[in-house]
Amino acid sequence: MDGFEREIVALLPRLRRFGRVLAHDPADADDLVQLAVERGLTRRGQFQAGTRLDSWMFGIMRNAWIDETRFRRRRSAILAPAEDAERVGHAGDVDAAMAARDVQQAMATLPDDQRIAIALVLIEGFSYKDAAEVLKLPMGTVASRIVRGRMALMAQLQEFAS
């Protein structure tokens, strides 16, 4: 395994997490990760040395997701709903698991554009600039989506707390 492949392997947890944000369903997310890794490996000659591999791979994954959703729309398929019972964190920490579930449910209610921007910046730690590059959008548009998404998340989480 060469350095390029090792870097992609190191990105797998982040790619899987982003895949879950995009696809909602864990099985669909895993398929999306596999497709993105396959495309990344077959197109490794297109990767420009000195640039961020994570940004490049997240862009590939985003484009694969767009291709998949277009295909499903054409075939009139329905994306699988988010799993309600999924647990995140330590099995013994019920409060943390419930909070994580609430956040996951609130994220699922966001429009795709806001959910993806929030996932890249707040979950994956991309800068606004890097997220804008992955999404091929102006930085101001990304910032606006994050602000609107945060406001919607806060409202949803307050509603869940009531």
C-alpha atoms as a PDB file:
ATOM      1  CA  MET A   1       0.000   0.000   0.000  1.00  0.00           C
ATOM      2  CA  ASP A   2       1.490   3.340  -1.004  1.00  0.00           C
ATOM      3  CA  GLY A   3       1.166   6.702   0.767  1.00  0.00           C
ATOM      4  CA  PHE A   4      -1.851   7.799  -1.273  1.00  0.00           C
ATOM      5  CA  GLU A   5      -3.771   4.663  -0.378  1.00  0.00           C
ATOM      6  CA  ARG A   6      -2.793   4.958   3.305  1.00  0.00           C
ATOM      7  CA  GLU A   7      -4.111   8.533   3.380  1.00  0.00           C
ATOM      8  CA  ILE A   8      -7.431   7.398   1.901  1.00  0.00           C
ATOM      9  CA  VAL A   9      -7.655   4.600   4.492  1.00  0.00           C
ATOM     10  CA  ALA A  10      -7.032   7.183   7.230  1.00  0.00           C
ATOM     11  CA  LEU A  11      -9.939   9.253   5.830  1.00  0.00           C
ATOM     12  CA  LEU A  12     -12.423   6.361   5.970  1.00  0.00           C
ATOM     13  CA  PRO A  13     -14.006   7.272   9.347  1.00  0.00           C
ATOM     14  CA  ARG A  14     -14.577  10.861   8.218  1.00  0.00           C
ATOM     15  CA  LEU A  15     -15.885   9.747   4.820  1.00  0.00           C
ATOM     16  CA  ARG A  16     -18.246   7.306   6.517  1.00  0.00           C
ATOM     17  CA  ARG A  17     -19.541  10.005   8.857  1.00  0.00           C
ATOM     18  CA  PHE A  18     -20.094  12.378   5.915  1.00  0.00           C
ATOM     19  CA  GLY A  19     -21.766   9.563   3.978  1.00  0.00           C
ATOM     20  CA  ARG A  20     -24.265   9.158   6.815  1.00  0.00           C
ATOM     21  CA  VAL A  21     -25.056  12.863   6.690  1.00  0.00           C
ATOM     22  CA  LEU A  22     -25.679  12.652   2.975  1.00  0.00           C
ATOM     23  CA  ALA A  23     -27.503   9.337   2.708  1.00  0.00           C
ATOM     24  CA  HIS A  24     -29.212   9.045   6.135  1.00  0.00           C
ATOM     25  CA  ASP A  25     -29.206   5.246   5.914  1.00  0.00           C
ATOM     26  CA  PRO A  26     -26.040   3.485   7.166  1.00  0.00           C
ATOM     27  CA  ALA A  27     -26.092   0.902   4.359  1.00  0.00           C
ATOM     28  CA  ASP A  28     -26.517   3.593   1.701  1.00  0.00           C
ATOM     29  CA  ALA A  29     -23.750   5.601   3.386  1.00  0.00           C
ATOM     30  CA  ASP A  30     -21.375   2.634   3.256  1.00  0.00           C
ATOM     31  CA  ASP A  31     -22.169   2.130  -0.431  1.00  0.00           C
ATOM     32  CA  LEU A  32     -21.485   5.812  -1.023  1.00  0.00           C
ATOM     33  CA  VAL A  33     -18.133   5.604   0.764  1.00  0.00           C
ATOM     34  CA  GLN A  34     -17.175   2.567  -1.275  1.00  0.00           C
ATOM     35  CA  LEU A  35     -18.090   4.345  -4.499  1.00  0.00           C
ATOM     36  CA  ALA A  36     -16.145   7.469  -3.517  1.00  0.00           C
ATOM     37  CA  VAL A  37     -13.043   5.480  -2.566  1.00  0.00           C
ATOM     38  CA  GLU A  38     -13.241   3.510  -5.792  1.00  0.00           C
ATOM     39  CA  ARG A  39     -13.513   6.715  -7.822  1.00  0.00           C
ATOM     40  CA  GLY A  40     -10.685   8.304  -5.858  1.00  0.00           C
ATOM     41  CA  LEU A  41      -8.384   5.362  -6.462  1.00  0.00           C
ATOM     42  CA  THR A  42      -9.201   5.067 -10.157  1.00  0.00           C
ATOM     43  CA  ARG A  43      -8.796   8.820 -10.662  1.00  0.00           C
ATOM     44  CA  ARG A  44      -5.720   9.263  -8.494  1.00  0.00           C
ATOM     45  CA  GLY A  45      -3.892  10.707 -11.508  1.00  0.00           C
ATOM     46  CA  GLN A  46      -6.252  13.690 -11.348  1.00  0.00           C
ATOM     47  CA  PHE A  47      -5.287  14.485  -7.752  1.00  0.00           C
ATOM     48  CA  GLN A  48      -2.959  17.481  -7.600  1.00  0.00           C
ATOM     49  CA  ALA A  49      -0.056  17.003  -5.224  1.00  0.00           C
ATOM     50  CA  GLY A  50       0.114  19.732  -2.599  1.00  0.00           C
ATOM     51  CA  THR A  51      -3.669  20.052  -2.315  1.00  0.00           C
ATOM     52  CA  ARG A  52      -5.857  18.579   0.411  1.00  0.00           C
ATOM     53  CA  LEU A  53      -6.768  14.972  -0.191  1.00  0.00           C
ATOM     54  CA  ASP A  54      -9.700  15.212   2.223  1.00  0.00           C
ATOM     55  CA  SER A  55     -11.260  18.086   0.260  1.00  0.00           C
ATOM     56  CA  TRP A  56     -10.766  16.165  -2.975  1.00  0.00           C
ATOM     57  CA  MET A  57     -12.336  12.979  -1.576  1.00  0.00           C
ATOM     58  CA  PHE A  58     -15.256  14.848   0.027  1.00  0.00           C
ATOM     59  CA  GLY A  59     -15.908  16.484  -3.353  1.00  0.00           C
ATOM     60  CA  ILE A  60     -15.903  13.082  -5.042  1.00  0.00           C
ATOM     61  CA  MET A  61     -18.320  11.774  -2.415  1.00  0.00           C
ATOM     62  CA  ARG A  62     -20.624  14.770  -2.783  1.00  0.00           C
ATOM     63  CA  ASN A  63     -20.699  14.328  -6.554  1.00  0.00           C
ATOM     64  CA  ALA A  64     -21.363  10.593  -6.175  1.00  0.00           C
ATOM     65  CA  TRP A  65     -24.257  11.396  -3.841  1.00  0.00           C
ATOM     66  CA  ILE A  66     -25.699  13.876  -6.356  1.00  0.00           C
ATOM     67  CA  ASP A  67     -25.412  11.241  -9.087  1.00  0.00           C
ATOM     68  CA  GLU A  68     -27.145   8.675  -6.857  1.00  0.00           C
ATOM     69  CA  THR A  69     -30.025  10.957  -5.864  1.00  0.00           C
ATOM     70  CA  ARG A  70     -30.611  11.914  -9.483  1.00  0.00           C
ATOM     71  CA  PHE A  71     -30.629   8.237 -10.436  1.00  0.00           C
ATOM     72  CA  ARG A  72     -33.096   7.426  -7.660  1.00  0.00           C
ATOM     73  CA  ARG A  73     -35.377  10.287  -8.660  1.00  0.00           C
ATOM     74  CA  ARG A  74     -35.382   9.036 -12.204  1.00  0.00           C
ATOM     75  CA  ARG A  75     -36.249   5.558 -10.975  1.00  0.00           C
ATOM     76  CA  SER A  76     -38.824   6.976  -8.525  1.00  0.00           C
ATOM     77  CA  ALA A  77     -37.059   5.331  -5.625  1.00  0.00           C
ATOM     78  CA  ILE A  78     -37.384   6.708  -2.118  1.00  0.00           C
ATOM     79  CA  LEU A  79     -34.303   7.257   0.024  1.00  0.00           C
ATOM     80  CA  ALA A  80     -34.298   5.189   3.167  1.00  0.00           C
ATOM     81  CA  PRO A  81     -35.328   7.093   6.315  1.00  0.00           C
ATOM     82  CA  ALA A  82     -32.867   7.781   9.110  1.00  0.00           C
ATOM     83  CA  GLU A  83     -32.667   5.085  11.737  1.00  0.00           C
ATOM     84  CA  ASP A  84     -34.394   6.208  14.888  1.00  0.00           C
ATOM     85  CA  ALA A  85     -32.700   3.729  17.190  1.00  0.00           C
ATOM     86  CA  GLU A  86     -29.093   4.356  16.208  1.00  0.00           C
ATOM     87  CA  ARG A  87     -26.846   4.909  19.190  1.00  0.00           C
ATOM     88  CA  VAL A  88     -23.744   7.068  19.190  1.00  0.00           C
ATOM     89  CA  GLY A  89     -21.193   7.208  21.978  1.00  0.00           C
ATOM     90  CA  HIS A  90     -20.743   4.928  24.955  1.00  0.00           C
ATOM     91  CA  ALA A  91     -23.384   2.311  25.547  1.00  0.00           C
ATOM     92  CA  GLY A  92     -23.633   3.223  29.235  1.00  0.00           C
ATOM     93  CA  ASP A  93     -24.126   6.925  28.662  1.00  0.00           C
ATOM     94  CA  VAL A  94     -27.877   7.126  28.056  1.00  0.00           C
ATOM     95  CA  ASP A  95     -28.072  10.929  28.251  1.00  0.00           C
ATOM     96  CA  ALA A  96     -25.340  11.334  25.640  1.00  0.00           C
ATOM     97  CA  ALA A  97     -26.997   8.738  23.407  1.00  0.00           C
ATOM     98  CA  MET A  98     -30.344  10.516  23.682  1.00  0.00           C
ATOM     99  CA  ALA A  99     -28.748  13.892  22.943  1.00  0.00           C
ATOM    100  CA  ALA A 100     -26.938  12.414  19.946  1.00  0.00           C
ATOM    101  CA  ARG A 101     -30.201  10.936  18.693  1.00  0.00           C
ATOM    102  CA  ASP A 102     -31.919  14.321  19.070  1.00  0.00           C
ATOM    103  CA  VAL A 103     -29.143  16.031  17.124  1.00  0.00           C
ATOM    104  CA  GLN A 104     -29.309  13.355  14.428  1.00  0.00           C
ATOM    105  CA  GLN A 105     -33.081  13.753  14.147  1.00  0.00           C
ATOM    106  CA  ALA A 106     -32.778  17.544  14.039  1.00  0.00           C
ATOM    107  CA  MET A 107     -30.081  17.294  11.348  1.00  0.00           C
ATOM    108  CA  ALA A 108     -32.373  15.053   9.299  1.00  0.00           C
ATOM    109  CA  THR A 109     -35.027  17.796   9.211  1.00  0.00           C
ATOM    110  CA  LEU A 110     -32.664  20.320   7.624  1.00  0.00           C
ATOM    111  CA  PRO A 111     -32.704  20.914   3.881  1.00  0.00           C
ATOM    112  CA  ASP A 112     -29.860  19.081   2.125  1.00  0.00           C
ATOM    113  CA  ASP A 113     -27.883  22.256   1.397  1.00  0.00           C
ATOM    114  CA  GLN A 114     -27.820  23.301   5.068  1.00  0.00           C
ATOM    115  CA  ARG A 115     -27.204  19.779   6.391  1.00  0.00           C
ATOM    116  CA  ILE A 116     -24.221  19.250   4.090  1.00  0.00           C
ATOM    117  CA  ALA A 117     -22.658  22.634   4.895  1.00  0.00           C
ATOM    118  CA  ILE A 118     -23.040  22.003   8.630  1.00  0.00           C
ATOM    119  CA  ALA A 119     -21.580  18.516   8.309  1.00  0.00           C
ATOM    120  CA  LEU A 120     -18.493  19.784   6.493  1.00  0.00           C
ATOM    121  CA  VAL A 121     -17.787  22.758   8.769  1.00  0.00           C
ATOM    122  CA  LEU A 122     -19.102  21.813  12.200  1.00  0.00           C
ATOM    123  CA  ILE A 123     -18.658  18.053  12.160  1.00  0.00           C
ATOM    124  CA  GLU A 124     -15.697  17.509   9.835  1.00  0.00           C
ATOM    125  CA  GLY A 125     -13.866  20.703  10.788  1.00  0.00           C
ATOM    126  CA  PHE A 126     -13.456  22.154   7.303  1.00  0.00           C
ATOM    127  CA  SER A 127     -12.915  25.885   7.107  1.00  0.00           C
ATOM    128  CA  TYR A 128     -15.627  27.871   5.350  1.00  0.00           C
ATOM    129  CA  LYS A 129     -13.214  28.336   2.450  1.00  0.00           C
ATOM    130  CA  ASP A 130     -12.478  24.611   2.141  1.00  0.00           C
ATOM    131  CA  ALA A 131     -16.158  23.716   2.437  1.00  0.00           C
ATOM    132  CA  ALA A 132     -16.933  26.255  -0.288  1.00  0.00           C
ATOM    133  CA  GLU A 133     -14.362  24.551  -2.517  1.00  0.00           C
ATOM    134  CA  VAL A 134     -15.847  21.097  -1.869  1.00  0.00           C
ATOM    135  CA  LEU A 135     -19.365  22.380  -2.567  1.00  0.00           C
ATOM    136  CA  LYS A 136     -18.258  24.580  -5.467  1.00  0.00           C
ATOM    137  CA  LEU A 137     -20.073  27.564  -3.938  1.00  0.00           C
ATOM    138  CA  PRO A 138     -19.081  31.059  -2.840  1.00  0.00           C
ATOM    139  CA  MET A 139     -17.918  31.211   0.778  1.00  0.00           C
ATOM    140  CA  GLY A 140     -20.750  33.612   1.645  1.00  0.00           C
ATOM    141  CA  THR A 141     -23.319  31.077   0.469  1.00  0.00           C
ATOM    142  CA  VAL A 142     -21.760  28.410   2.699  1.00  0.00           C
ATOM    143  CA  ALA A 143     -21.739  30.820   5.653  1.00  0.00           C
ATOM    144  CA  SER A 144     -25.392  31.687   5.051  1.00  0.00           C
ATOM    145  CA  ARG A 145     -26.392  28.020   4.915  1.00  0.00           C
ATOM    146  CA  ILE A 146     -24.565  27.344   8.171  1.00  0.00           C
ATOM    147  CA  VAL A 147     -26.246  30.278   9.928  1.00  0.00           C
ATOM    148  CA  ARG A 148     -29.706  29.208   8.744  1.00  0.00           C
ATOM    149  CA  GLY A 149     -28.956  25.582   9.599  1.00  0.00           C
ATOM    150  CA  ARG A 150     -27.712  26.435  13.092  1.00  0.00           C
ATOM    151  CA  MET A 151     -30.827  28.485  13.784  1.00  0.00           C
ATOM    152  CA  ALA A 152     -33.065  25.656  12.594  1.00  0.00           C
ATOM    153  CA  LEU A 153     -31.097  23.113  14.656  1.00  0.00           C
ATOM    154  CA  MET A 154     -31.365  25.214  17.799  1.00  0.00           C
ATOM    155  CA  ALA A 155     -35.121  25.591  17.294  1.00  0.00           C
ATOM    156  CA  GLN A 156     -35.532  21.849  16.723  1.00  0.00           C
ATOM    157  CA  LEU A 157     -33.417  20.926  19.745  1.00  0.00           C
ATOM    158  CA  GLN A 158     -35.380  23.317  21.959  1.00  0.00           C
ATOM    159  CA  GLU A 159     -38.564  21.701  20.698  1.00  0.00           C
ATOM    160  CA  PHE A 160     -37.175  18.231  21.508  1.00  0.00           C
ATOM    161  CA  ALA A 161     -36.231  19.418  25.001  1.00  0.00           C
ATOM    162  CA  SER A 162     -39.797  20.592  25.697  1.00  0.00           C
END
